[in-house]
Amino acid sequence: GMRGSPTGELVFNDCEVAESQVMGPENGGVGVLMSGLDYE
């Protein structure tokens, strides 16, 4: 079901990103993630 809502895999192969791409605190991702679950 939910056909037409595309679902897929993302692949990262030596994907280099700048520090400016970090959202929220470093090593604080679980807090970011969990804080959004209630709203999700």
PDB file of all heavy atoms in Angstrom:
ATOM      1  N   GLY A   1       0.830  -1.194   0.000  1.00  0.00           N
ATOM      2  CA  GLY A   1       0.000   0.000   0.000  1.00  0.00           C
ATOM      3  C   GLY A   1       0.863   1.242   0.000  1.00  0.00           C
ATOM      4  O   GLY A   1       2.083   1.171  -0.133  1.00  0.00           O
ATOM      5  N   MET A   2       0.224   2.378   0.131  1.00  0.00           N
ATOM      6  CA  MET A   2       0.915   3.668   0.066  1.00  0.00           C
ATOM      7  C   MET A   2       1.786   3.747  -1.188  1.00  0.00           C
ATOM      8  O   MET A   2       2.878   4.314  -1.180  1.00  0.00           O
ATOM      9  CB  MET A   2       1.764   3.911   1.316  1.00  0.00           C
ATOM     10  CG  MET A   2       0.960   4.059   2.587  1.00  0.00           C
ATOM     11  SD  MET A   2      -0.069   5.535   2.581  1.00  0.00           S
ATOM     12  CE  MET A   2      -0.607   5.610   4.298  1.00  0.00           C
ATOM     13  N   ARG A   3       1.261   3.147  -2.260  1.00  0.00           N
ATOM     14  CA  ARG A   3       1.974   3.175  -3.530  1.00  0.00           C
ATOM     15  C   ARG A   3       1.897   4.584  -4.103  1.00  0.00           C
ATOM     16  O   ARG A   3       0.874   5.241  -4.040  1.00  0.00           O
ATOM     17  CB  ARG A   3       1.372   2.143  -4.473  1.00  0.00           C
ATOM     18  CG  ARG A   3       1.513   0.715  -3.955  1.00  0.00           C
ATOM     19  CD  ARG A   3       0.760  -0.291  -4.804  1.00  0.00           C
ATOM     20  NE  ARG A   3       1.186  -0.281  -6.192  1.00  0.00           N
ATOM     21  CZ  ARG A   3       2.317  -0.822  -6.639  1.00  0.00           C
ATOM     22  NH1 ARG A   3       3.143  -1.445  -5.780  1.00  0.00           N
ATOM     23  NH2 ARG A   3       2.645  -0.765  -7.909  1.00  0.00           N
ATOM     24  N   GLY A   4       2.996   5.057  -4.640  1.00  0.00           N
ATOM     25  CA  GLY A   4       3.067   6.437  -5.096  1.00  0.00           C
ATOM     26  C   GLY A   4       3.720   7.345  -4.078  1.00  0.00           C
ATOM     27  O   GLY A   4       4.098   8.466  -4.393  1.00  0.00           O
ATOM     28  N   SER A   5       3.848   6.843  -2.858  1.00  0.00           N
ATOM     29  CA  SER A   5       4.700   7.507  -1.876  1.00  0.00           C
ATOM     30  C   SER A   5       6.024   6.753  -1.925  1.00  0.00           C
ATOM     31  O   SER A   5       6.129   5.643  -1.390  1.00  0.00           O
ATOM     32  CB  SER A   5       4.100   7.434  -0.471  1.00  0.00           C
ATOM     33  OG  SER A   5       4.987   8.013   0.476  1.00  0.00           O
ATOM     34  N   PRO A   6       7.032   7.306  -2.609  1.00  0.00           N
ATOM     35  CA  PRO A   6       8.241   6.534  -2.890  1.00  0.00           C
ATOM     36  C   PRO A   6       9.019   6.173  -1.623  1.00  0.00           C
ATOM     37  O   PRO A   6       9.286   7.027  -0.778  1.00  0.00           O
ATOM     38  CB  PRO A   6       9.052   7.464  -3.789  1.00  0.00           C
ATOM     39  CG  PRO A   6       8.544   8.832  -3.482  1.00  0.00           C
ATOM     40  CD  PRO A   6       7.098   8.681  -3.129  1.00  0.00           C
ATOM     41  N   THR A   7       9.361   4.906  -1.513  1.00  0.00           N
ATOM     42  CA  THR A   7      10.129   4.398  -0.375  1.00  0.00           C
ATOM     43  C   THR A   7      11.380   3.732  -0.921  1.00  0.00           C
ATOM     44  O   THR A   7      11.298   2.950  -1.873  1.00  0.00           O
ATOM     45  CB  THR A   7       9.315   3.382   0.438  1.00  0.00           C
ATOM     46  OG1 THR A   7       8.063   3.964   0.796  1.00  0.00           O
ATOM     47  CG2 THR A   7      10.049   2.965   1.701  1.00  0.00           C
ATOM     48  N   GLY A   8      12.523   4.028  -0.329  1.00  0.00           N
ATOM     49  CA  GLY A   8      13.733   3.457  -0.883  1.00  0.00           C
ATOM     50  C   GLY A   8      14.907   3.453   0.075  1.00  0.00           C
ATOM     51  O   GLY A   8      14.783   3.757   1.262  1.00  0.00           O
ATOM     52  N   GLU A   9      16.037   3.099  -0.489  1.00  0.00           N
ATOM     53  CA  GLU A   9      17.297   2.979   0.241  1.00  0.00           C
ATOM     54  C   GLU A   9      18.178   4.185  -0.086  1.00  0.00           C
ATOM     55  O   GLU A   9      18.176   4.682  -1.217  1.00  0.00           O
ATOM     56  CB  GLU A   9      17.997   1.688  -0.194  1.00  0.00           C
ATOM     57  CG  GLU A   9      19.355   1.456   0.441  1.00  0.00           C
ATOM     58  CD  GLU A   9      20.073   0.253  -0.149  1.00  0.00           C
ATOM     59  OE1 GLU A   9      19.816  -0.073  -1.332  1.00  0.00           O
ATOM     60  OE2 GLU A   9      20.891  -0.357   0.559  1.00  0.00           O
ATOM     61  N   LEU A  10      18.917   4.643   0.901  1.00  0.00           N
ATOM     62  CA  LEU A  10      19.913   5.686   0.704  1.00  0.00           C
ATOM     63  C   LEU A  10      21.292   5.085   0.960  1.00  0.00           C
ATOM     64  O   LEU A  10      21.480   4.354   1.934  1.00  0.00           O
ATOM     65  CB  LEU A  10      19.688   6.857   1.656  1.00  0.00           C
ATOM     66  CG  LEU A  10      18.298   7.496   1.661  1.00  0.00           C
ATOM     67  CD1 LEU A  10      18.246   8.596   2.716  1.00  0.00           C
ATOM     68  CD2 LEU A  10      17.937   8.041   0.292  1.00  0.00           C
ATOM     69  N   VAL A  11      22.243   5.406   0.096  1.00  0.00           N
ATOM     70  CA  VAL A  11      23.583   4.834   0.204  1.00  0.00           C
ATOM     71  C   VAL A  11      24.609   5.956   0.380  1.00  0.00           C
ATOM     72  O   VAL A  11      24.600   6.947  -0.361  1.00  0.00           O
ATOM     73  CB  VAL A  11      23.930   3.999  -1.050  1.00  0.00           C
ATOM     74  CG1 VAL A  11      25.343   3.432  -0.938  1.00  0.00           C
ATOM     75  CG2 VAL A  11      22.917   2.871  -1.238  1.00  0.00           C
ATOM     76  N   PHE A  12      25.461   5.788   1.365  1.00  0.00           N
ATOM     77  CA  PHE A  12      26.543   6.744   1.635  1.00  0.00           C
ATOM     78  C   PHE A  12      27.869   6.021   1.454  1.00  0.00           C
ATOM     79  O   PHE A  12      28.182   5.073   2.176  1.00  0.00           O
ATOM     80  CB  PHE A  12      26.424   7.288   3.065  1.00  0.00           C
ATOM     81  CG  PHE A  12      25.148   8.033   3.328  1.00  0.00           C
ATOM     82  CD1 PHE A  12      23.985   7.357   3.671  1.00  0.00           C
ATOM     83  CD2 PHE A  12      25.105   9.412   3.216  1.00  0.00           C
ATOM     84  CE1 PHE A  12      22.803   8.034   3.911  1.00  0.00           C
ATOM     85  CE2 PHE A  12      23.921  10.106   3.457  1.00  0.00           C
ATOM     86  CZ  PHE A  12      22.772   9.415   3.800  1.00  0.00           C
ATOM     87  N   ASN A  13      28.639   6.468   0.457  1.00  0.00           N
ATOM     88  CA  ASN A  13      29.918   5.839   0.143  1.00  0.00           C
ATOM     89  C   ASN A  13      30.996   6.918   0.159  1.00  0.00           C
ATOM     90  O   ASN A  13      31.202   7.619  -0.822  1.00  0.00           O
ATOM     91  CB  ASN A  13      29.843   5.150  -1.222  1.00  0.00           C
ATOM     92  CG  ASN A  13      31.099   4.377  -1.563  1.00  0.00           C
ATOM     93  OD1 ASN A  13      31.952   4.157  -0.708  1.00  0.00           O
ATOM     94  ND2 ASN A  13      31.218   3.980  -2.820  1.00  0.00           N
ATOM     95  N   ASP A  14      31.658   7.049   1.326  1.00  0.00           N
ATOM     96  CA  ASP A  14      32.635   8.120   1.514  1.00  0.00           C
ATOM     97  C   ASP A  14      32.028   9.480   1.178  1.00  0.00           C
ATOM     98  O   ASP A  14      32.596  10.287   0.437  1.00  0.00           O
ATOM     99  CB  ASP A  14      33.898   7.882   0.676  1.00  0.00           C
ATOM    100  CG  ASP A  14      34.725   6.719   1.185  1.00  0.00           C
ATOM    101  OD1 ASP A  14      34.658   6.415   2.396  1.00  0.00           O
ATOM    102  OD2 ASP A  14      35.438   6.095   0.366  1.00  0.00           O
ATOM    103  N   CYS A  15      30.856   9.715   1.734  1.00  0.00           N
ATOM    104  CA  CYS A  15      30.149  10.989   1.524  1.00  0.00           C
ATOM    105  C   CYS A  15      30.700  12.022   2.501  1.00  0.00           C
ATOM    106  O   CYS A  15      30.495  11.925   3.716  1.00  0.00           O
ATOM    107  CB  CYS A  15      28.656  10.790   1.744  1.00  0.00           C
ATOM    108  SG  CYS A  15      27.674  12.308   1.597  1.00  0.00           S
ATOM    109  N   GLU A  16      31.431  12.995   1.971  1.00  0.00           N
ATOM    110  CA  GLU A  16      32.075  14.002   2.817  1.00  0.00           C
ATOM    111  C   GLU A  16      31.149  15.204   3.004  1.00  0.00           C
ATOM    112  O   GLU A  16      30.617  15.741   2.034  1.00  0.00           O
ATOM    113  CB  GLU A  16      33.405  14.441   2.206  1.00  0.00           C
ATOM    114  CG  GLU A  16      34.439  13.316   2.146  1.00  0.00           C
ATOM    115  CD  GLU A  16      35.811  13.799   1.715  1.00  0.00           C
ATOM    116  OE1 GLU A  16      36.063  15.030   1.782  1.00  0.00           O
ATOM    117  OE2 GLU A  16      36.637  12.956   1.332  1.00  0.00           O
ATOM    118  N   VAL A  17      30.968  15.586   4.258  1.00  0.00           N
ATOM    119  CA  VAL A  17      30.134  16.736   4.565  1.00  0.00           C
ATOM    120  C   VAL A  17      30.876  17.673   5.509  1.00  0.00           C
ATOM    121  O   VAL A  17      31.674  17.234   6.345  1.00  0.00           O
ATOM    122  CB  VAL A  17      28.786  16.319   5.195  1.00  0.00           C
ATOM    123  CG1 VAL A  17      28.015  15.412   4.258  1.00  0.00           C
ATOM    124  CG2 VAL A  17      28.973  15.640   6.535  1.00  0.00           C
ATOM    125  N   ALA A  18      30.590  18.951   5.376  1.00  0.00           N
ATOM    126  CA  ALA A  18      31.219  19.953   6.234  1.00  0.00           C
ATOM    127  C   ALA A  18      30.559  19.959   7.609  1.00  0.00           C
ATOM    128  O   ALA A  18      29.424  19.494   7.780  1.00  0.00           O
ATOM    129  CB  ALA A  18      31.108  21.321   5.586  1.00  0.00           C
ATOM    130  N   GLU A  19      31.257  20.521   8.562  1.00  0.00           N
ATOM    131  CA  GLU A  19      30.707  20.617   9.916  1.00  0.00           C
ATOM    132  C   GLU A  19      29.442  21.468   9.943  1.00  0.00           C
ATOM    133  O   GLU A  19      28.579  21.298  10.809  1.00  0.00           O
ATOM    134  CB  GLU A  19      31.754  21.203  10.863  1.00  0.00           C
ATOM    135  CG  GLU A  19      31.378  21.096  12.327  1.00  0.00           C
ATOM    136  CD  GLU A  19      32.581  21.207  13.250  1.00  0.00           C
ATOM    137  OE1 GLU A  19      33.688  21.493  12.781  1.00  0.00           O
ATOM    138  OE2 GLU A  19      32.391  20.997  14.468  1.00  0.00           O
ATOM    139  N   SER A  20      29.315  22.349   8.953  1.00  0.00           N
ATOM    140  CA  SER A  20      28.127  23.204   8.877  1.00  0.00           C
ATOM    141  C   SER A  20      26.852  22.418   8.596  1.00  0.00           C
ATOM    142  O   SER A  20      25.753  22.956   8.718  1.00  0.00           O
ATOM    143  CB  SER A  20      28.318  24.265   7.789  1.00  0.00           C
ATOM    144  OG  SER A  20      28.504  23.647   6.524  1.00  0.00           O
ATOM    145  N   GLN A  21      26.997  21.134   8.225  1.00  0.00           N
ATOM    146  CA  GLN A  21      25.822  20.297   7.950  1.00  0.00           C
ATOM    147  C   GLN A  21      25.295  19.610   9.207  1.00  0.00           C
ATOM    148  O   GLN A  21      24.266  18.939   9.152  1.00  0.00           O
ATOM    149  CB  GLN A  21      26.160  19.238   6.894  1.00  0.00           C
ATOM    150  CG  GLN A  21      26.608  19.800   5.557  1.00  0.00           C
ATOM    151  CD  GLN A  21      25.664  20.813   4.980  1.00  0.00           C
ATOM    152  OE1 GLN A  21      26.020  21.964   4.753  1.00  0.00           O
ATOM    153  NE2 GLN A  21      24.423  20.402   4.760  1.00  0.00           N
ATOM    154  N   VAL A  22      25.977  19.744  10.320  1.00  0.00           N
ATOM    155  CA  VAL A  22      25.485  19.167  11.571  1.00  0.00           C
ATOM    156  C   VAL A  22      24.314  19.997  12.074  1.00  0.00           C
ATOM    157  O   VAL A  22      24.398  21.226  12.155  1.00  0.00           O
ATOM    158  CB  VAL A  22      26.603  19.121  12.642  1.00  0.00           C
ATOM    159  CG1 VAL A  22      26.037  18.702  13.999  1.00  0.00           C
ATOM    160  CG2 VAL A  22      27.709  18.161  12.220  1.00  0.00           C
ATOM    161  N   MET A  23      23.216  19.320  12.413  1.00  0.00           N
ATOM    162  CA  MET A  23      22.043  20.009  12.956  1.00  0.00           C
ATOM    163  C   MET A  23      21.882  19.621  14.412  1.00  0.00           C
ATOM    164  O   MET A  23      21.755  18.431  14.737  1.00  0.00           O
ATOM    165  CB  MET A  23      20.782  19.647  12.166  1.00  0.00           C
ATOM    166  CG  MET A  23      19.559  20.454  12.589  1.00  0.00           C
ATOM    167  SD  MET A  23      18.108  20.190  11.549  1.00  0.00           S
ATOM    168  CE  MET A  23      17.521  18.595  12.176  1.00  0.00           C
ATOM    169  N   GLY A  24      21.890  20.614  15.274  1.00  0.00           N
ATOM    170  CA  GLY A  24      21.845  20.315  16.696  1.00  0.00           C
ATOM    171  C   GLY A  24      23.232  19.962  17.210  1.00  0.00           C
ATOM    172  O   GLY A  24      24.219  20.028  16.480  1.00  0.00           O
ATOM    173  N   PRO A  25      23.335  19.542  18.465  1.00  0.00           N
ATOM    174  CA  PRO A  25      24.648  19.263  19.053  1.00  0.00           C
ATOM    175  C   PRO A  25      25.271  17.974  18.538  1.00  0.00           C
ATOM    176  O   PRO A  25      24.576  17.004  18.258  1.00  0.00           O
ATOM    177  CB  PRO A  25      24.346  19.167  20.555  1.00  0.00           C
ATOM    178  CG  PRO A  25      22.903  18.789  20.627  1.00  0.00           C
ATOM    179  CD  PRO A  25      22.242  19.409  19.447  1.00  0.00           C
ATOM    180  N   GLU A  26      26.602  17.989  18.411  1.00  0.00           N
ATOM    181  CA  GLU A  26      27.309  16.749  18.063  1.00  0.00           C
ATOM    182  C   GLU A  26      27.056  15.712  19.160  1.00  0.00           C
ATOM    183  O   GLU A  26      27.058  16.029  20.353  1.00  0.00           O
ATOM    184  CB  GLU A  26      28.814  17.001  17.940  1.00  0.00           C
ATOM    185  CG  GLU A  26      29.585  15.761  17.491  1.00  0.00           C
ATOM    186  CD  GLU A  26      31.080  16.004  17.386  1.00  0.00           C
ATOM    187  OE1 GLU A  26      31.628  16.677  18.294  1.00  0.00           O
ATOM    188  OE2 GLU A  26      31.690  15.530  16.417  1.00  0.00           O
ATOM    189  N   ASN A  27      26.782  14.486  18.748  1.00  0.00           N
ATOM    190  CA  ASN A  27      26.448  13.378  19.656  1.00  0.00           C
ATOM    191  C   ASN A  27      25.132  13.608  20.408  1.00  0.00           C
ATOM    192  O   ASN A  27      24.836  12.907  21.374  1.00  0.00           O
ATOM    193  CB  ASN A  27      27.586  13.101  20.645  1.00  0.00           C
ATOM    194  CG  ASN A  27      28.837  12.594  19.953  1.00  0.00           C
ATOM    195  OD1 ASN A  27      28.753  11.834  18.988  1.00  0.00           O
ATOM    196  ND2 ASN A  27      30.002  13.007  20.437  1.00  0.00           N
ATOM    197  N   GLY A  28      24.365  14.581  19.930  1.00  0.00           N
ATOM    198  CA  GLY A  28      23.063  14.838  20.560  1.00  0.00           C
ATOM    199  C   GLY A  28      21.897  14.415  19.684  1.00  0.00           C
ATOM    200  O   GLY A  28      20.759  14.869  19.874  1.00  0.00           O
ATOM    201  N   GLY A  29      22.174  13.549  18.718  1.00  0.00           N
ATOM    202  CA  GLY A  29      21.162  13.155  17.753  1.00  0.00           C
ATOM    203  C   GLY A  29      19.978  12.419  18.336  1.00  0.00           C
ATOM    204  O   GLY A  29      18.852  12.547  17.842  1.00  0.00           O
ATOM    205  N   VAL A  30      20.220  11.632  19.384  1.00  0.00           N
ATOM    206  CA  VAL A  30      19.102  10.907  19.987  1.00  0.00           C
ATOM    207  C   VAL A  30      18.100  11.890  20.591  1.00  0.00           C
ATOM    208  O   VAL A  30      16.884  11.695  20.498  1.00  0.00           O
ATOM    209  CB  VAL A  30      19.594   9.888  21.031  1.00  0.00           C
ATOM    210  CG1 VAL A  30      18.447   9.372  21.895  1.00  0.00           C
ATOM    211  CG2 VAL A  30      20.260   8.710  20.338  1.00  0.00           C
ATOM    212  N   GLY A  31      18.604  12.954  21.179  1.00  0.00           N
ATOM    213  CA  GLY A  31      17.714  13.980  21.718  1.00  0.00           C
ATOM    214  C   GLY A  31      16.904  14.642  20.623  1.00  0.00           C
ATOM    215  O   GLY A  31      15.694  14.888  20.782  1.00  0.00           O
ATOM    216  N   VAL A  32      17.556  14.942  19.492  1.00  0.00           N
ATOM    217  CA  VAL A  32      16.853  15.525  18.348  1.00  0.00           C
ATOM    218  C   VAL A  32      15.787  14.558  17.854  1.00  0.00           C
ATOM    219  O   VAL A  32      14.619  14.924  17.640  1.00  0.00           O
ATOM    220  CB  VAL A  32      17.847  15.851  17.212  1.00  0.00           C
ATOM    221  CG1 VAL A  32      17.107  16.351  15.974  1.00  0.00           C
ATOM    222  CG2 VAL A  32      18.872  16.875  17.672  1.00  0.00           C
ATOM    223  N   LEU A  33      16.182  13.304  17.694  1.00  0.00           N
ATOM    224  CA  LEU A  33      15.295  12.274  17.171  1.00  0.00           C
ATOM    225  C   LEU A  33      14.098  12.052  18.085  1.00  0.00           C
ATOM    226  O   LEU A  33      12.947  12.111  17.649  1.00  0.00           O
ATOM    227  CB  LEU A  33      16.099  10.976  17.003  1.00  0.00           C
ATOM    228  CG  LEU A  33      15.489   9.759  16.337  1.00  0.00           C
ATOM    229  CD1 LEU A  33      16.610   8.850  15.850  1.00  0.00           C
ATOM    230  CD2 LEU A  33      14.601   8.958  17.279  1.00  0.00           C
ATOM    231  N   MET A  34      14.375  11.811  19.352  1.00  0.00           N
ATOM    232  CA  MET A  34      13.295  11.481  20.289  1.00  0.00           C
ATOM    233  C   MET A  34      12.350  12.652  20.495  1.00  0.00           C
ATOM    234  O   MET A  34      11.142  12.471  20.670  1.00  0.00           O
ATOM    235  CB  MET A  34      13.875  11.027  21.629  1.00  0.00           C
ATOM    236  CG  MET A  34      14.719   9.760  21.554  1.00  0.00           C
ATOM    237  SD  MET A  34      13.815   8.331  20.912  1.00  0.00           S
ATOM    238  CE  MET A  34      12.734   7.970  22.290  1.00  0.00           C
ATOM    239  N   SER A  35      12.881  13.870  20.447  1.00  0.00           N
ATOM    240  CA  SER A  35      12.037  15.047  20.663  1.00  0.00           C
ATOM    241  C   SER A  35      11.013  15.217  19.551  1.00  0.00           C
ATOM    242  O   SER A  35       9.972  15.846  19.745  1.00  0.00           O
ATOM    243  CB  SER A  35      12.902  16.311  20.744  1.00  0.00           C
ATOM    244  OG  SER A  35      13.403  16.668  19.461  1.00  0.00           O
ATOM    245  N   GLY A  36      11.312  14.662  18.367  1.00  0.00           N
ATOM    246  CA  GLY A  36      10.400  14.803  17.246  1.00  0.00           C
ATOM    247  C   GLY A  36       9.367  13.705  17.128  1.00  0.00           C
ATOM    248  O   GLY A  36       8.395  13.838  16.385  1.00  0.00           O
ATOM    249  N   LEU A  37       9.558  12.596  17.874  1.00  0.00           N
ATOM    250  CA  LEU A  37       8.683  11.437  17.698  1.00  0.00           C
ATOM    251  C   LEU A  37       7.243  11.716  18.102  1.00  0.00           C
ATOM    252  O   LEU A  37       6.305  11.244  17.451  1.00  0.00           O
ATOM    253  CB  LEU A  37       9.230  10.239  18.477  1.00  0.00           C
ATOM    254  CG  LEU A  37      10.478   9.569  17.896  1.00  0.00           C
ATOM    255  CD1 LEU A  37      10.893   8.389  18.763  1.00  0.00           C
ATOM    256  CD2 LEU A  37      10.253   9.102  16.462  1.00  0.00           C
ATOM    257  N   ASP A  38       7.049  12.467  19.190  1.00  0.00           N
ATOM    258  CA  ASP A  38       5.681  12.766  19.622  1.00  0.00           C
ATOM    259  C   ASP A  38       4.935  13.543  18.545  1.00  0.00           C
ATOM    260  O   ASP A  38       3.757  13.275  18.264  1.00  0.00           O
ATOM    261  CB  ASP A  38       5.684  13.574  20.920  1.00  0.00           C
ATOM    262  CG  ASP A  38       6.235  12.786  22.098  1.00  0.00           C
ATOM    263  OD1 ASP A  38       6.349  11.554  21.977  1.00  0.00           O
ATOM    264  OD2 ASP A  38       6.539  13.414  23.126  1.00  0.00           O
ATOM    265  N   TYR A  39       5.620  14.510  17.922  1.00  0.00           N
ATOM    266  CA  TYR A  39       4.988  15.321  16.888  1.00  0.00           C
ATOM    267  C   TYR A  39       4.767  14.496  15.622  1.00  0.00           C
ATOM    268  O   TYR A  39       3.745  14.644  14.947  1.00  0.00           O
ATOM    269  CB  TYR A  39       5.850  16.550  16.596  1.00  0.00           C
ATOM    270  CG  TYR A  39       6.193  17.332  17.844  1.00  0.00           C
ATOM    271  CD1 TYR A  39       7.508  17.576  18.225  1.00  0.00           C
ATOM    272  CD2 TYR A  39       5.177  17.810  18.678  1.00  0.00           C
ATOM    273  CE1 TYR A  39       7.810  18.272  19.375  1.00  0.00           C
ATOM    274  CE2 TYR A  39       5.474  18.514  19.838  1.00  0.00           C
ATOM    275  CZ  TYR A  39       6.791  18.735  20.185  1.00  0.00           C
ATOM    276  OH  TYR A  39       7.083  19.419  21.341  1.00  0.00           O
ATOM    277  N   GLU A  40       5.728  13.634  15.315  1.00  0.00           N
ATOM    278  CA  GLU A  40       5.577  12.750  14.156  1.00  0.00           C
ATOM    279  C   GLU A  40       4.360  11.850  14.315  1.00  0.00           C
ATOM    280  O   GLU A  40       3.525  11.735  13.408  1.00  0.00           O
ATOM    281  CB  GLU A  40       6.836  11.892  13.990  1.00  0.00           C
ATOM    282  CG  GLU A  40       6.711  10.824  12.916  1.00  0.00           C
ATOM    283  CD  GLU A  40       7.903   9.884  12.879  1.00  0.00           C
ATOM    284  OE1 GLU A  40       8.958  10.217  13.468  1.00  0.00           O
ATOM    285  OE2 GLU A  40       7.781   8.802  12.261  1.00  0.00           O
TER     286      GLU A  40
END
